[in-house]
């Protein structure tokens, strides 16, 4: 069972519809549906709000979503708690999605660099 299937299972256990969770997160039902289908990765920064939507603590949600592949390293830091999260053995689909996103970001960076260079060259001509 992948994390999308686990996410669907949690939502159904809580008696919620996809619309309910999506509304709580401020996203569309279609965007949420992609998570359950495993087509789009859930951003780590979204997980606390997702846990809140389900009325769960974050560690419990993450354990249910990622199972034994999740390791928590909790420790005290000055000013509060910190949790370092390591997720091992990601599925090939998740790895492909991340690699695709990294490639997109590299293309965007190259495009921005090119635009900056063009702008600087125009300034030098003036």
PDB file of N, CA and C in Angstrom:
ATOM      1  N   UNK A   1       0.851  -1.178   0.000  1.00  0.00           N
ATOM      2  CA  UNK A   1       0.000   0.000   0.000  1.00  0.00           C
ATOM      3  C   UNK A   1       0.896   1.241   0.000  1.00  0.00           C
ATOM      4  N   UNK A   2       0.659   2.162  -0.944  1.00  0.00           N
ATOM      5  CA  UNK A   2       1.462   3.382  -1.005  1.00  0.00           C
ATOM      6  C   UNK A   2       0.860   4.472  -0.121  1.00  0.00           C
ATOM      7  N   UNK A   3       1.590   5.594   0.001  1.00  0.00           N
ATOM      8  CA  UNK A   3       1.107   6.643   0.908  1.00  0.00           C
ATOM      9  C   UNK A   3      -0.226   7.225   0.445  1.00  0.00           C
ATOM     10  N   UNK A   4      -0.491   7.246  -0.857  1.00  0.00           N
ATOM     11  CA  UNK A   4      -1.767   7.762  -1.356  1.00  0.00           C
ATOM     12  C   UNK A   4      -2.932   6.911  -0.878  1.00  0.00           C
ATOM     13  N   UNK A   5      -2.742   5.598  -0.942  1.00  0.00           N
ATOM     14  CA  UNK A   5      -3.784   4.680  -0.463  1.00  0.00           C
ATOM     15  C   UNK A   5      -3.975   4.827   1.041  1.00  0.00           C
ATOM     16  N   UNK A   6      -2.872   5.015   1.745  1.00  0.00           N
ATOM     17  CA  UNK A   6      -2.957   5.206   3.200  1.00  0.00           C
ATOM     18  C   UNK A   6      -3.671   6.517   3.529  1.00  0.00           C
ATOM     19  N   UNK A   7      -3.393   7.544   2.738  1.00  0.00           N
ATOM     20  CA  UNK A   7      -4.048   8.838   2.937  1.00  0.00           C
ATOM     21  C   UNK A   7      -5.560   8.692   2.750  1.00  0.00           C
ATOM     22  N   UNK A   8      -5.963   7.993   1.695  1.00  0.00           N
ATOM     23  CA  UNK A   8      -7.386   7.753   1.444  1.00  0.00           C
ATOM     24  C   UNK A   8      -8.013   6.989   2.604  1.00  0.00           C
ATOM     25  N   UNK A   9      -7.297   5.988   3.093  1.00  0.00           N
ATOM     26  CA  UNK A   9      -7.810   5.180   4.195  1.00  0.00           C
ATOM     27  C   UNK A   9      -8.030   6.041   5.444  1.00  0.00           C
ATOM     28  N   UNK A  10      -7.080   6.900   5.765  1.00  0.00           N
ATOM     29  CA  UNK A  10      -7.215   7.776   6.933  1.00  0.00           C
ATOM     30  C   UNK A  10      -8.422   8.686   6.761  1.00  0.00           C
ATOM     31  N   UNK A  11      -8.536   9.307   5.562  1.00  0.00           N
ATOM     32  CA  UNK A  11      -9.657  10.218   5.297  1.00  0.00           C
ATOM     33  C   UNK A  11     -10.989   9.500   5.470  1.00  0.00           C
ATOM     34  N   UNK A  12     -11.084   8.294   4.937  1.00  0.00           N
ATOM     35  CA  UNK A  12     -12.332   7.536   5.047  1.00  0.00           C
ATOM     36  C   UNK A  12     -12.632   7.143   6.483  1.00  0.00           C
ATOM     37  N   UNK A  13     -11.588   6.779   7.244  1.00  0.00           N
ATOM     38  CA  UNK A  13     -11.778   6.456   8.661  1.00  0.00           C
ATOM     39  C   UNK A  13     -12.327   7.648   9.436  1.00  0.00           C
ATOM     40  N   UNK A  14     -11.912   8.840   9.028  1.00  0.00           N
ATOM     41  CA  UNK A  14     -12.359  10.063   9.704  1.00  0.00           C
ATOM     42  C   UNK A  14     -13.724  10.519   9.204  1.00  0.00           C
ATOM     43  N   UNK A  15     -14.285   9.789   8.234  1.00  0.00           N
ATOM     44  CA  UNK A  15     -15.604  10.119   7.700  1.00  0.00           C
ATOM     45  C   UNK A  15     -15.614  11.412   6.905  1.00  0.00           C
ATOM     46  N   UNK A  16     -14.505  11.700   6.268  1.00  0.00           N
ATOM     47  CA  UNK A  16     -14.376  12.945   5.517  1.00  0.00           C
ATOM     48  C   UNK A  16     -14.404  12.675   4.020  1.00  0.00           C
ATOM     49  N   UNK A  17     -14.833  13.682   3.264  1.00  0.00           N
ATOM     50  CA  UNK A  17     -14.774  13.655   1.813  1.00  0.00           C
ATOM     51  C   UNK A  17     -13.508  14.380   1.375  1.00  0.00           C
ATOM     52  N   UNK A  18     -13.092  14.134   0.159  1.00  0.00           N
ATOM     53  CA  UNK A  18     -11.922  14.832  -0.366  1.00  0.00           C
ATOM     54  C   UNK A  18     -12.110  16.347  -0.291  1.00  0.00           C
ATOM     55  N   UNK A  19     -13.331  16.806  -0.576  1.00  0.00           N
ATOM     56  CA  UNK A  19     -13.627  18.244  -0.507  1.00  0.00           C
ATOM     57  C   UNK A  19     -13.379  18.802   0.892  1.00  0.00           C
ATOM     58  N   UNK A  20     -13.737  18.029   1.914  1.00  0.00           N
ATOM     59  CA  UNK A  20     -13.564  18.485   3.302  1.00  0.00           C
ATOM     60  C   UNK A  20     -12.086  18.748   3.599  1.00  0.00           C
ATOM     61  N   UNK A  21     -11.247  17.792   3.225  1.00  0.00           N
ATOM     62  CA  UNK A  21      -9.816  17.927   3.495  1.00  0.00           C
ATOM     63  C   UNK A  21      -9.231  19.051   2.655  1.00  0.00           C
ATOM     64  N   UNK A  22      -9.598  19.093   1.385  1.00  0.00           N
ATOM     65  CA  UNK A  22      -9.088  20.133   0.483  1.00  0.00           C
ATOM     66  C   UNK A  22      -9.452  21.521   0.992  1.00  0.00           C
ATOM     67  N   UNK A  23     -10.692  21.697   1.443  1.00  0.00           N
ATOM     68  CA  UNK A  23     -11.121  22.999   1.982  1.00  0.00           C
ATOM     69  C   UNK A  23     -10.273  23.399   3.184  1.00  0.00           C
ATOM     70  N   UNK A  24     -10.014  22.452   4.070  1.00  0.00           N
ATOM     71  CA  UNK A  24      -9.210  22.731   5.260  1.00  0.00           C
ATOM     72  C   UNK A  24      -7.793  23.167   4.875  1.00  0.00           C
ATOM     73  N   UNK A  25      -7.270  22.585   3.787  1.00  0.00           N
ATOM     74  CA  UNK A  25      -5.908  22.878   3.352  1.00  0.00           C
ATOM     75  C   UNK A  25      -5.834  24.093   2.426  1.00  0.00           C
ATOM     76  N   UNK A  26      -6.998  24.542   1.944  1.00  0.00           N
ATOM     77  CA  UNK A  26      -7.011  25.679   1.028  1.00  0.00           C
ATOM     78  C   UNK A  26      -6.561  25.309  -0.379  1.00  0.00           C
ATOM     79  N   UNK A  27      -6.861  24.064  -0.784  1.00  0.00           N
ATOM     80  CA  UNK A  27      -6.528  23.598  -2.128  1.00  0.00           C
ATOM     81  C   UNK A  27      -7.794  23.061  -2.783  1.00  0.00           C
ATOM     82  N   UNK A  28      -7.706  22.740  -4.055  1.00  0.00           N
ATOM     83  CA  UNK A  28      -8.868  22.180  -4.745  1.00  0.00           C
ATOM     84  C   UNK A  28      -9.002  20.694  -4.444  1.00  0.00           C
ATOM     85  N   UNK A  29     -10.195  20.198  -4.653  1.00  0.00           N
ATOM     86  CA  UNK A  29     -10.434  18.765  -4.476  1.00  0.00           C
ATOM     87  C   UNK A  29      -9.578  17.984  -5.466  1.00  0.00           C
ATOM     88  N   UNK A  30      -9.414  18.512  -6.674  1.00  0.00           N
ATOM     89  CA  UNK A  30      -8.606  17.843  -7.691  1.00  0.00           C
ATOM     90  C   UNK A  30      -7.145  17.718  -7.275  1.00  0.00           C
ATOM     91  N   UNK A  31      -6.612  18.776  -6.657  1.00  0.00           N
ATOM     92  CA  UNK A  31      -5.224  18.739  -6.185  1.00  0.00           C
ATOM     93  C   UNK A  31      -5.082  17.693  -5.077  1.00  0.00           C
ATOM     94  N   UNK A  32      -6.041  17.673  -4.174  1.00  0.00           N
ATOM     95  CA  UNK A  32      -5.999  16.674  -3.100  1.00  0.00           C
ATOM     96  C   UNK A  32      -6.103  15.260  -3.675  1.00  0.00           C
ATOM     97  N   UNK A  33      -6.977  15.082  -4.648  1.00  0.00           N
ATOM     98  CA  UNK A  33      -7.164  13.772  -5.271  1.00  0.00           C
ATOM     99  C   UNK A  33      -5.855  13.249  -5.844  1.00  0.00           C
ATOM    100  N   UNK A  34      -5.034  14.131  -6.392  1.00  0.00           N
ATOM    101  CA  UNK A  34      -3.745  13.707  -6.948  1.00  0.00           C
ATOM    102  C   UNK A  34      -2.835  13.131  -5.871  1.00  0.00           C
ATOM    103  N   UNK A  35      -2.956  13.625  -4.651  1.00  0.00           N
ATOM    104  CA  UNK A  35      -2.175  13.061  -3.542  1.00  0.00           C
ATOM    105  C   UNK A  35      -2.598  11.620  -3.297  1.00  0.00           C
ATOM    106  N   UNK A  36      -3.913  11.408  -3.218  1.00  0.00           N
ATOM    107  CA  UNK A  36      -4.408  10.063  -2.941  1.00  0.00           C
ATOM    108  C   UNK A  36      -4.074   9.093  -4.070  1.00  0.00           C
ATOM    109  N   UNK A  37      -3.981   9.610  -5.273  1.00  0.00           N
ATOM    110  CA  UNK A  37      -3.623   8.760  -6.417  1.00  0.00           C
ATOM    111  C   UNK A  37      -2.115   8.544  -6.515  1.00  0.00           C
ATOM    112  N   UNK A  38      -1.356   9.275  -5.713  1.00  0.00           N
ATOM    113  CA  UNK A  38       0.096   9.159  -5.740  1.00  0.00           C
ATOM    114  C   UNK A  38       0.720   9.847  -6.941  1.00  0.00           C
ATOM    115  N   UNK A  39      -0.043  10.736  -7.594  1.00  0.00           N
ATOM    116  CA  UNK A  39       0.462  11.433  -8.774  1.00  0.00           C
ATOM    117  C   UNK A  39       1.303  12.648  -8.407  1.00  0.00           C
ATOM    118  N   UNK A  40       1.043  13.206  -7.246  1.00  0.00           N
ATOM    119  CA  UNK A  40       1.759  14.396  -6.782  1.00  0.00           C
ATOM    120  C   UNK A  40       2.204  14.152  -5.350  1.00  0.00           C
ATOM    121  N   UNK A  41       3.417  14.553  -5.036  1.00  0.00           N
ATOM    122  CA  UNK A  41       3.949  14.384  -3.687  1.00  0.00           C
ATOM    123  C   UNK A  41       3.404  15.464  -2.761  1.00  0.00           C
ATOM    124  N   UNK A  42       3.139  15.076  -1.541  1.00  0.00           N
ATOM    125  CA  UNK A  42       2.724  16.021  -0.514  1.00  0.00           C
ATOM    126  C   UNK A  42       3.972  16.725  -0.017  1.00  0.00           C
ATOM    127  N   UNK A  43       3.930  18.044   0.010  1.00  0.00           N
ATOM    128  CA  UNK A  43       5.069  18.798   0.531  1.00  0.00           C
ATOM    129  C   UNK A  43       5.141  18.612   2.040  1.00  0.00           C
ATOM    130  N   UNK A  44       6.346  18.473   2.554  1.00  0.00           N
ATOM    131  CA  UNK A  44       6.513  18.265   3.996  1.00  0.00           C
ATOM    132  C   UNK A  44       5.893  19.389   4.809  1.00  0.00           C
ATOM    133  N   UNK A  45       5.981  20.630   4.301  1.00  0.00           N
ATOM    134  CA  UNK A  45       5.434  21.748   5.069  1.00  0.00           C
ATOM    135  C   UNK A  45       3.905  21.716   5.143  1.00  0.00           C
ATOM    136  N   UNK A  46       3.267  20.879   4.315  1.00  0.00           N
ATOM    137  CA  UNK A  46       1.811  20.751   4.327  1.00  0.00           C
ATOM    138  C   UNK A  46       1.339  19.733   5.364  1.00  0.00           C
ATOM    139  N   UNK A  47       2.222  18.836   5.764  1.00  0.00           N
ATOM    140  CA  UNK A  47       1.821  17.744   6.653  1.00  0.00           C
ATOM    141  C   UNK A  47       1.229  18.195   7.987  1.00  0.00           C
ATOM    142  N   UNK A  48       1.753  19.252   8.649  1.00  0.00           N
ATOM    143  CA  UNK A  48       1.118  19.652   9.915  1.00  0.00           C
ATOM    144  C   UNK A  48      -0.347  20.057   9.743  1.00  0.00           C
ATOM    145  N   UNK A  49      -0.654  20.782   8.675  1.00  0.00           N
ATOM    146  CA  UNK A  49      -2.032  21.196   8.447  1.00  0.00           C
ATOM    147  C   UNK A  49      -2.904  19.992   8.076  1.00  0.00           C
ATOM    148  N   UNK A  50      -2.324  19.025   7.378  1.00  0.00           N
ATOM    149  CA  UNK A  50      -3.056  17.804   7.040  1.00  0.00           C
ATOM    150  C   UNK A  50      -3.372  17.016   8.311  1.00  0.00           C
ATOM    151  N   UNK A  51      -2.400  16.929   9.202  1.00  0.00           N
ATOM    152  CA  UNK A  51      -2.634  16.249  10.483  1.00  0.00           C
ATOM    153  C   UNK A  51      -3.757  16.945  11.250  1.00  0.00           C
ATOM    154  N   UNK A  52      -3.723  18.274  11.236  1.00  0.00           N
ATOM    155  CA  UNK A  52      -4.767  19.053  11.906  1.00  0.00           C
ATOM    156  C   UNK A  52      -6.136  18.761  11.299  1.00  0.00           C
ATOM    157  N   UNK A  53      -6.198  18.676   9.980  1.00  0.00           N
ATOM    158  CA  UNK A  53      -7.472  18.398   9.298  1.00  0.00           C
ATOM    159  C   UNK A  53      -8.053  17.060   9.748  1.00  0.00           C
ATOM    160  N   UNK A  54      -7.180  16.088   9.993  1.00  0.00           N
ATOM    161  CA  UNK A  54      -7.626  14.765  10.422  1.00  0.00           C
ATOM    162  C   UNK A  54      -7.760  14.642  11.941  1.00  0.00           C
ATOM    163  N   UNK A  55      -7.398  15.709  12.668  1.00  0.00           N
ATOM    164  CA  UNK A  55      -7.464  15.646  14.124  1.00  0.00           C
ATOM    165  C   UNK A  55      -6.430  14.702  14.701  1.00  0.00           C
ATOM    166  N   UNK A  56      -5.251  14.673  14.074  1.00  0.00           N
ATOM    167  CA  UNK A  56      -4.182  13.766  14.491  1.00  0.00           C
ATOM    168  C   UNK A  56      -2.934  14.564  14.835  1.00  0.00           C
ATOM    169  N   UNK A  57      -2.056  13.938  15.599  1.00  0.00           N
ATOM    170  CA  UNK A  57      -0.731  14.510  15.830  1.00  0.00           C
ATOM    171  C   UNK A  57       0.125  14.204  14.603  1.00  0.00           C
ATOM    172  N   UNK A  58       1.045  15.100  14.279  1.00  0.00           N
ATOM    173  CA  UNK A  58       1.890  14.936  13.107  1.00  0.00           C
ATOM    174  C   UNK A  58       2.669  13.610  13.091  1.00  0.00           C
ATOM    175  N   UNK A  59       3.320  13.227  14.188  1.00  0.00           N
ATOM    176  CA  UNK A  59       4.043  11.945  14.146  1.00  0.00           C
ATOM    177  C   UNK A  59       3.145  10.752  13.813  1.00  0.00           C
ATOM    178  N   UNK A  60       1.929  10.763  14.352  1.00  0.00           N
ATOM    179  CA  UNK A  60       0.988   9.668  14.071  1.00  0.00           C
ATOM    180  C   UNK A  60       0.625   9.642  12.585  1.00  0.00           C
ATOM    181  N   UNK A  61       0.336  10.820  12.016  1.00  0.00           N
ATOM    182  CA  UNK A  61      -0.012  10.884  10.599  1.00  0.00           C
ATOM    183  C   UNK A  61       1.143  10.382   9.741  1.00  0.00           C
ATOM    184  N   UNK A  62       2.343  10.850  10.038  1.00  0.00           N
ATOM    185  CA  UNK A  62       3.493  10.464   9.228  1.00  0.00           C
ATOM    186  C   UNK A  62       3.785   8.971   9.345  1.00  0.00           C
ATOM    187  N   UNK A  63       3.637   8.435  10.534  1.00  0.00           N
ATOM    188  CA  UNK A  63       3.852   6.999  10.719  1.00  0.00           C
ATOM    189  C   UNK A  63       2.838   6.205   9.901  1.00  0.00           C
ATOM    190  N   UNK A  64       1.598   6.664   9.901  1.00  0.00           N
ATOM    191  CA  UNK A  64       0.551   5.963   9.137  1.00  0.00           C
ATOM    192  C   UNK A  64       0.780   6.089   7.636  1.00  0.00           C
ATOM    193  N   UNK A  65       1.243   7.259   7.194  1.00  0.00           N
ATOM    194  CA  UNK A  65       1.453   7.461   5.763  1.00  0.00           C
ATOM    195  C   UNK A  65       2.681   6.730   5.239  1.00  0.00           C
ATOM    196  N   UNK A  66       3.770   6.802   6.001  1.00  0.00           N
ATOM    197  CA  UNK A  66       5.048   6.311   5.492  1.00  0.00           C
ATOM    198  C   UNK A  66       5.531   5.033   6.172  1.00  0.00           C
ATOM    199  N   UNK A  67       4.822   4.576   7.190  1.00  0.00           N
ATOM    200  CA  UNK A  67       5.102   3.303   7.823  1.00  0.00           C
ATOM    201  C   UNK A  67       6.494   3.175   8.400  1.00  0.00           C
ATOM    202  N   UNK A  68       7.066   2.027   8.225  1.00  0.00           N
ATOM    203  CA  UNK A  68       8.366   1.701   8.807  1.00  0.00           C
ATOM    204  C   UNK A  68       9.512   2.458   8.145  1.00  0.00           C
ATOM    205  N   UNK A  69       9.241   3.121   7.038  1.00  0.00           N
ATOM    206  CA  UNK A  69      10.291   3.862   6.339  1.00  0.00           C
ATOM    207  C   UNK A  69      10.535   5.230   6.955  1.00  0.00           C
ATOM    208  N   UNK A  70       9.930   5.482   8.082  1.00  0.00           N
ATOM    209  CA  UNK A  70      10.012   6.794   8.711  1.00  0.00           C
ATOM    210  C   UNK A  70      10.788   6.698  10.004  1.00  0.00           C
ATOM    211  N   UNK A  71      11.721   7.601  10.182  1.00  0.00           N
ATOM    212  CA  UNK A  71      12.529   7.644  11.393  1.00  0.00           C
ATOM    213  C   UNK A  71      12.443   9.055  11.954  1.00  0.00           C
ATOM    214  N   UNK A  72      12.091   9.173  13.232  1.00  0.00           N
ATOM    215  CA  UNK A  72      12.065  10.478  13.885  1.00  0.00           C
ATOM    216  C   UNK A  72      13.289  10.624  14.768  1.00  0.00           C
ATOM    217  N   UNK A  73      13.882  11.783  14.721  1.00  0.00           N
ATOM    218  CA  UNK A  73      14.994  12.116  15.596  1.00  0.00           C
ATOM    219  C   UNK A  73      14.600  13.402  16.306  1.00  0.00           C
ATOM    220  N   UNK A  74      13.906  13.278  17.417  1.00  0.00           N
ATOM    221  CA  UNK A  74      13.459  14.452  18.166  1.00  0.00           C
ATOM    222  C   UNK A  74      14.525  14.856  19.173  1.00  0.00           C
ATOM    223  N   UNK A  75      14.775  16.143  19.255  1.00  0.00           N
ATOM    224  CA  UNK A  75      15.731  16.638  20.237  1.00  0.00           C
ATOM    225  C   UNK A  75      15.376  18.076  20.596  1.00  0.00           C
ATOM    226  N   UNK A  76      15.797  18.476  21.764  1.00  0.00           N
ATOM    227  CA  UNK A  76      15.540  19.833  22.237  1.00  0.00           C
ATOM    228  C   UNK A  76      16.563  20.780  21.634  1.00  0.00           C
ATOM    229  N   UNK A  77      16.093  21.915  21.198  1.00  0.00           N
ATOM    230  CA  UNK A  77      16.976  22.980  20.745  1.00  0.00           C
ATOM    231  C   UNK A  77      16.619  24.214  21.538  1.00  0.00           C
ATOM    232  N   UNK A  78      17.550  25.127  21.632  1.00  0.00           N
ATOM    233  CA  UNK A  78      17.278  26.385  22.309  1.00  0.00           C
ATOM    234  C   UNK A  78      16.039  27.017  21.697  1.00  0.00           C
ATOM    235  N   UNK A  79      15.058  27.342  22.497  1.00  0.00           N
ATOM    236  CA  UNK A  79      13.871  28.004  21.996  1.00  0.00           C
ATOM    237  C   UNK A  79      12.753  27.074  21.567  1.00  0.00           C
ATOM    238  N   UNK A  80      12.905  25.774  21.701  1.00  0.00           N
ATOM    239  CA  UNK A  80      11.799  24.907  21.341  1.00  0.00           C
ATOM    240  C   UNK A  80      12.225  23.524  20.902  1.00  0.00           C
ATOM    241  N   UNK A  81      11.263  22.793  20.355  1.00  0.00           N
ATOM    242  CA  UNK A  81      11.512  21.434  19.880  1.00  0.00           C
ATOM    243  C   UNK A  81      11.857  21.448  18.402  1.00  0.00           C
ATOM    244  N   UNK A  82      12.604  20.481  17.977  1.00  0.00           N
ATOM    245  CA  UNK A  82      12.890  20.302  16.556  1.00  0.00           C
ATOM    246  C   UNK A  82      12.757  18.830  16.232  1.00  0.00           C
ATOM    247  N   UNK A  83      12.282  18.533  15.057  1.00  0.00           N
ATOM    248  CA  UNK A  83      12.156  17.138  14.630  1.00  0.00           C
ATOM    249  C   UNK A  83      12.841  16.998  13.282  1.00  0.00           C
ATOM    250  N   UNK A  84      13.855  16.164  13.231  1.00  0.00           N
ATOM    251  CA  UNK A  84      14.485  15.844  11.962  1.00  0.00           C
ATOM    252  C   UNK A  84      13.821  14.591  11.440  1.00  0.00           C
ATOM    253  N   UNK A  85      13.369  14.625  10.203  1.00  0.00           N
ATOM    254  CA  UNK A  85      12.606  13.518   9.649  1.00  0.00           C
ATOM    255  C   UNK A  85      13.384  12.920   8.482  1.00  0.00           C
ATOM    256  N   UNK A  86      13.537  11.618   8.509  1.00  0.00           N
ATOM    257  CA  UNK A  86      14.215  10.915   7.427  1.00  0.00           C
ATOM    258  C   UNK A  86      13.242   9.885   6.871  1.00  0.00           C
ATOM    259  N   UNK A  87      13.036   9.914   5.586  1.00  0.00           N
ATOM    260  CA  UNK A  87      12.159   8.936   4.960  1.00  0.00           C
ATOM    261  C   UNK A  87      13.019   8.092   4.033  1.00  0.00           C
ATOM    262  N   UNK A  88      13.076   6.807   4.311  1.00  0.00           N
ATOM    263  CA  UNK A  88      13.888   5.877   3.533  1.00  0.00           C
ATOM    264  C   UNK A  88      13.004   5.072   2.595  1.00  0.00           C
ATOM    265  N   UNK A  89      13.631   4.457   1.624  1.00  0.00           N
ATOM    266  CA  UNK A  89      12.951   3.540   0.715  1.00  0.00           C
ATOM    267  C   UNK A  89      11.733   4.164   0.040  1.00  0.00           C
ATOM    268  N   UNK A  90      11.915   5.358  -0.531  1.00  0.00           N
ATOM    269  CA  UNK A  90      10.820   5.992  -1.250  1.00  0.00           C
ATOM    270  C   UNK A  90      10.469   5.157  -2.467  1.00  0.00           C
ATOM    271  N   UNK A  91       9.205   5.157  -2.829  1.00  0.00           N
ATOM    272  CA  UNK A  91       8.788   4.386  -3.995  1.00  0.00           C
ATOM    273  C   UNK A  91       9.394   4.988  -5.252  1.00  0.00           C
ATOM    274  N   UNK A  92       9.498   4.174  -6.274  1.00  0.00           N
ATOM    275  CA  UNK A  92      10.053   4.639  -7.552  1.00  0.00           C
ATOM    276  C   UNK A  92       9.236   5.797  -8.110  1.00  0.00           C
ATOM    277  N   UNK A  93       7.914   5.749  -7.942  1.00  0.00           N
ATOM    278  CA  UNK A  93       7.034   6.809  -8.449  1.00  0.00           C
ATOM    279  C   UNK A  93       7.348   8.127  -7.755  1.00  0.00           C
ATOM    280  N   UNK A  94       7.532   8.101  -6.448  1.00  0.00           N
ATOM    281  CA  UNK A  94       7.842   9.314  -5.694  1.00  0.00           C
ATOM    282  C   UNK A  94       9.204   9.851  -6.115  1.00  0.00           C
ATOM    283  N   UNK A  95      10.166   8.960  -6.276  1.00  0.00           N
ATOM    284  CA  UNK A  95      11.498   9.378  -6.700  1.00  0.00           C
ATOM    285  C   UNK A  95      11.423  10.024  -8.083  1.00  0.00           C
ATOM    286  N   UNK A  96      10.669   9.427  -8.989  1.00  0.00           N
ATOM    287  CA  UNK A  96      10.504   9.990 -10.332  1.00  0.00           C
ATOM    288  C   UNK A  96       9.879  11.380 -10.267  1.00  0.00           C
ATOM    289  N   UNK A  97       8.870  11.546  -9.402  1.00  0.00           N
ATOM    290  CA  UNK A  97       8.220  12.848  -9.271  1.00  0.00           C
ATOM    291  C   UNK A  97       9.199  13.901  -8.761  1.00  0.00           C
ATOM    292  N   UNK A  98       9.992  13.554  -7.765  1.00  0.00           N
ATOM    293  CA  UNK A  98      10.977  14.499  -7.249  1.00  0.00           C
ATOM    294  C   UNK A  98      12.041  14.815  -8.291  1.00  0.00           C
ATOM    295  N   UNK A  99      12.520  13.798  -9.003  1.00  0.00           N
ATOM    296  CA  UNK A  99      13.531  14.038 -10.028  1.00  0.00           C
ATOM    297  C   UNK A  99      12.986  14.921 -11.137  1.00  0.00           C
ATOM    298  N   UNK A 100      11.728  14.713 -11.508  1.00  0.00           N
ATOM    299  CA  UNK A 100      11.092  15.550 -12.519  1.00  0.00           C
ATOM    300  C   UNK A 100      11.002  16.999 -12.045  1.00  0.00           C
ATOM    301  N   UNK A 101      10.604  17.178 -10.799  1.00  0.00           N
ATOM    302  CA  UNK A 101      10.482  18.541 -10.248  1.00  0.00           C
ATOM    303  C   UNK A 101      11.852  19.218 -10.168  1.00  0.00           C
ATOM    304  N   UNK A 102      12.877  18.471  -9.803  1.00  0.00           N
ATOM    305  CA  UNK A 102      14.234  19.016  -9.744  1.00  0.00           C
ATOM    306  C   UNK A 102      14.668  19.467 -11.133  1.00  0.00           C
ATOM    307  N   UNK A 103      14.374  18.667 -12.155  1.00  0.00           N
ATOM    308  CA  UNK A 103      14.724  19.034 -13.528  1.00  0.00           C
ATOM    309  C   UNK A 103      13.996  20.312 -13.946  1.00  0.00           C
ATOM    310  N   UNK A 104      12.707  20.423 -13.574  1.00  0.00           N
ATOM    311  CA  UNK A 104      11.943  21.641 -13.890  1.00  0.00           C
ATOM    312  C   UNK A 104      12.560  22.863 -13.222  1.00  0.00           C
ATOM    313  N   UNK A 105      12.934  22.708 -11.968  1.00  0.00           N
ATOM    314  CA  UNK A 105      13.529  23.827 -11.244  1.00  0.00           C
ATOM    315  C   UNK A 105      14.871  24.233 -11.838  1.00  0.00           C
ATOM    316  N   UNK A 106      15.661  23.262 -12.268  1.00  0.00           N
ATOM    317  CA  UNK A 106      16.941  23.570 -12.910  1.00  0.00           C
ATOM    318  C   UNK A 106      16.717  24.351 -14.196  1.00  0.00           C
ATOM    319  N   UNK A 107      15.693  23.976 -14.954  1.00  0.00           N
ATOM    320  CA  UNK A 107      15.363  24.708 -16.181  1.00  0.00           C
ATOM    321  C   UNK A 107      14.940  26.141 -15.854  1.00  0.00           C
ATOM    322  N   UNK A 108      14.131  26.306 -14.827  1.00  0.00           N
ATOM    323  CA  UNK A 108      13.704  27.651 -14.421  1.00  0.00           C
ATOM    324  C   UNK A 108      14.897  28.502 -13.998  1.00  0.00           C
ATOM    325  N   UNK A 109      15.811  27.911 -13.250  1.00  0.00           N
ATOM    326  CA  UNK A 109      17.008  28.637 -12.808  1.00  0.00           C
ATOM    327  C   UNK A 109      17.830  29.068 -14.009  1.00  0.00           C
ATOM    328  N   UNK A 110      18.026  28.162 -14.964  1.00  0.00           N
ATOM    329  CA  UNK A 110      18.795  28.488 -16.167  1.00  0.00           C
ATOM    330  C   UNK A 110      18.123  29.619 -16.938  1.00  0.00           C
ATOM    331  N   UNK A 111      16.809  29.583 -17.025  1.00  0.00           N
ATOM    332  CA  UNK A 111      16.063  30.627 -17.722  1.00  0.00           C
ATOM    333  C   UNK A 111      16.235  31.980 -17.029  1.00  0.00           C
ATOM    334  N   UNK A 112      16.119  31.986 -15.701  1.00  0.00           N
ATOM    335  CA  UNK A 112      16.290  33.235 -14.944  1.00  0.00           C
ATOM    336  C   UNK A 112      17.703  33.776 -15.084  1.00  0.00           C
ATOM    337  N   UNK A 113      18.697  32.890 -15.032  1.00  0.00           N
ATOM    338  CA  UNK A 113      20.088  33.327 -15.196  1.00  0.00           C
ATOM    339  C   UNK A 113      20.288  33.957 -16.565  1.00  0.00           C
ATOM    340  N   UNK A 114      19.719  33.331 -17.577  1.00  0.00           N
ATOM    341  CA  UNK A 114      19.822  33.859 -18.937  1.00  0.00           C
ATOM    342  C   UNK A 114      19.183  35.237 -19.028  1.00  0.00           C
ATOM    343  N   UNK A 115      18.017  35.397 -18.414  1.00  0.00           N
ATOM    344  CA  UNK A 115      17.319  36.685 -18.434  1.00  0.00           C
ATOM    345  C   UNK A 115      18.136  37.755 -17.721  1.00  0.00           C
ATOM    346  N   UNK A 116      18.745  37.414 -16.599  1.00  0.00           N
ATOM    347  CA  UNK A 116      19.574  38.365 -15.858  1.00  0.00           C
ATOM    348  C   UNK A 116      20.766  38.788 -16.713  1.00  0.00           C
ATOM    349  N   UNK A 117      21.394  37.830 -17.378  1.00  0.00           N
ATOM    350  CA  UNK A 117      22.538  38.142 -18.234  1.00  0.00           C
ATOM    351  C   UNK A 117      22.129  39.066 -19.381  1.00  0.00           C
ATOM    352  N   UNK A 118      20.960  38.828 -19.979  1.00  0.00           N
ATOM    353  CA  UNK A 118      20.465  39.693 -21.053  1.00  0.00           C
ATOM    354  C   UNK A 118      20.227  41.107 -20.533  1.00  0.00           C
ATOM    355  N   UNK A 119      19.617  41.205 -19.348  1.00  0.00           N
ATOM    356  CA  UNK A 119      19.347  42.514 -18.760  1.00  0.00           C
ATOM    357  C   UNK A 119      20.638  43.270 -18.478  1.00  0.00           C
ATOM    358  N   UNK A 120      21.633  42.559 -17.950  1.00  0.00           N
ATOM    359  CA  UNK A 120      22.919  43.196 -17.657  1.00  0.00           C
ATOM    360  C   UNK A 120      23.605  43.656 -18.934  1.00  0.00           C
ATOM    361  N   UNK A 121      23.505  42.851 -19.998  1.00  0.00           N
ATOM    362  CA  UNK A 121      24.106  43.231 -21.277  1.00  0.00           C
ATOM    363  C   UNK A 121      23.424  44.464 -21.855  1.00  0.00           C
ATOM    364  N   UNK A 122      22.098  44.559 -21.702  1.00  0.00           N
ATOM    365  CA  UNK A 122      21.376  45.739 -22.181  1.00  0.00           C
ATOM    366  C   UNK A 122      21.769  46.990 -21.393  1.00  0.00           C
ATOM    367  N   UNK A 123      21.965  46.863 -20.094  1.00  0.00           N
ATOM    368  CA  UNK A 123      22.372  47.986 -19.259  1.00  0.00           C
ATOM    369  C   UNK A 123      23.748  48.497 -19.669  1.00  0.00           C
ATOM    370  N   UNK A 124      24.646  47.591 -20.027  1.00  0.00           N
ATOM    371  CA  UNK A 124      26.004  47.967 -20.438  1.00  0.00           C
ATOM    372  C   UNK A 124      25.990  48.736 -21.748  1.00  0.00           C
ATOM    373  N   UNK A 125      25.046  48.412 -22.642  1.00  0.00           N
ATOM    374  CA  UNK A 125      24.953  49.099 -23.929  1.00  0.00           C
ATOM    375  C   UNK A 125      24.430  50.508 -23.786  1.00  0.00           C
ATOM    376  N   UNK A 126      23.663  50.751 -22.750  1.00  0.00           N
ATOM    377  CA  UNK A 126      23.029  52.072 -22.556  1.00  0.00           C
ATOM    378  C   UNK A 126      23.948  53.050 -21.925  1.00  0.00           C
TER     379      UNK A 126
END
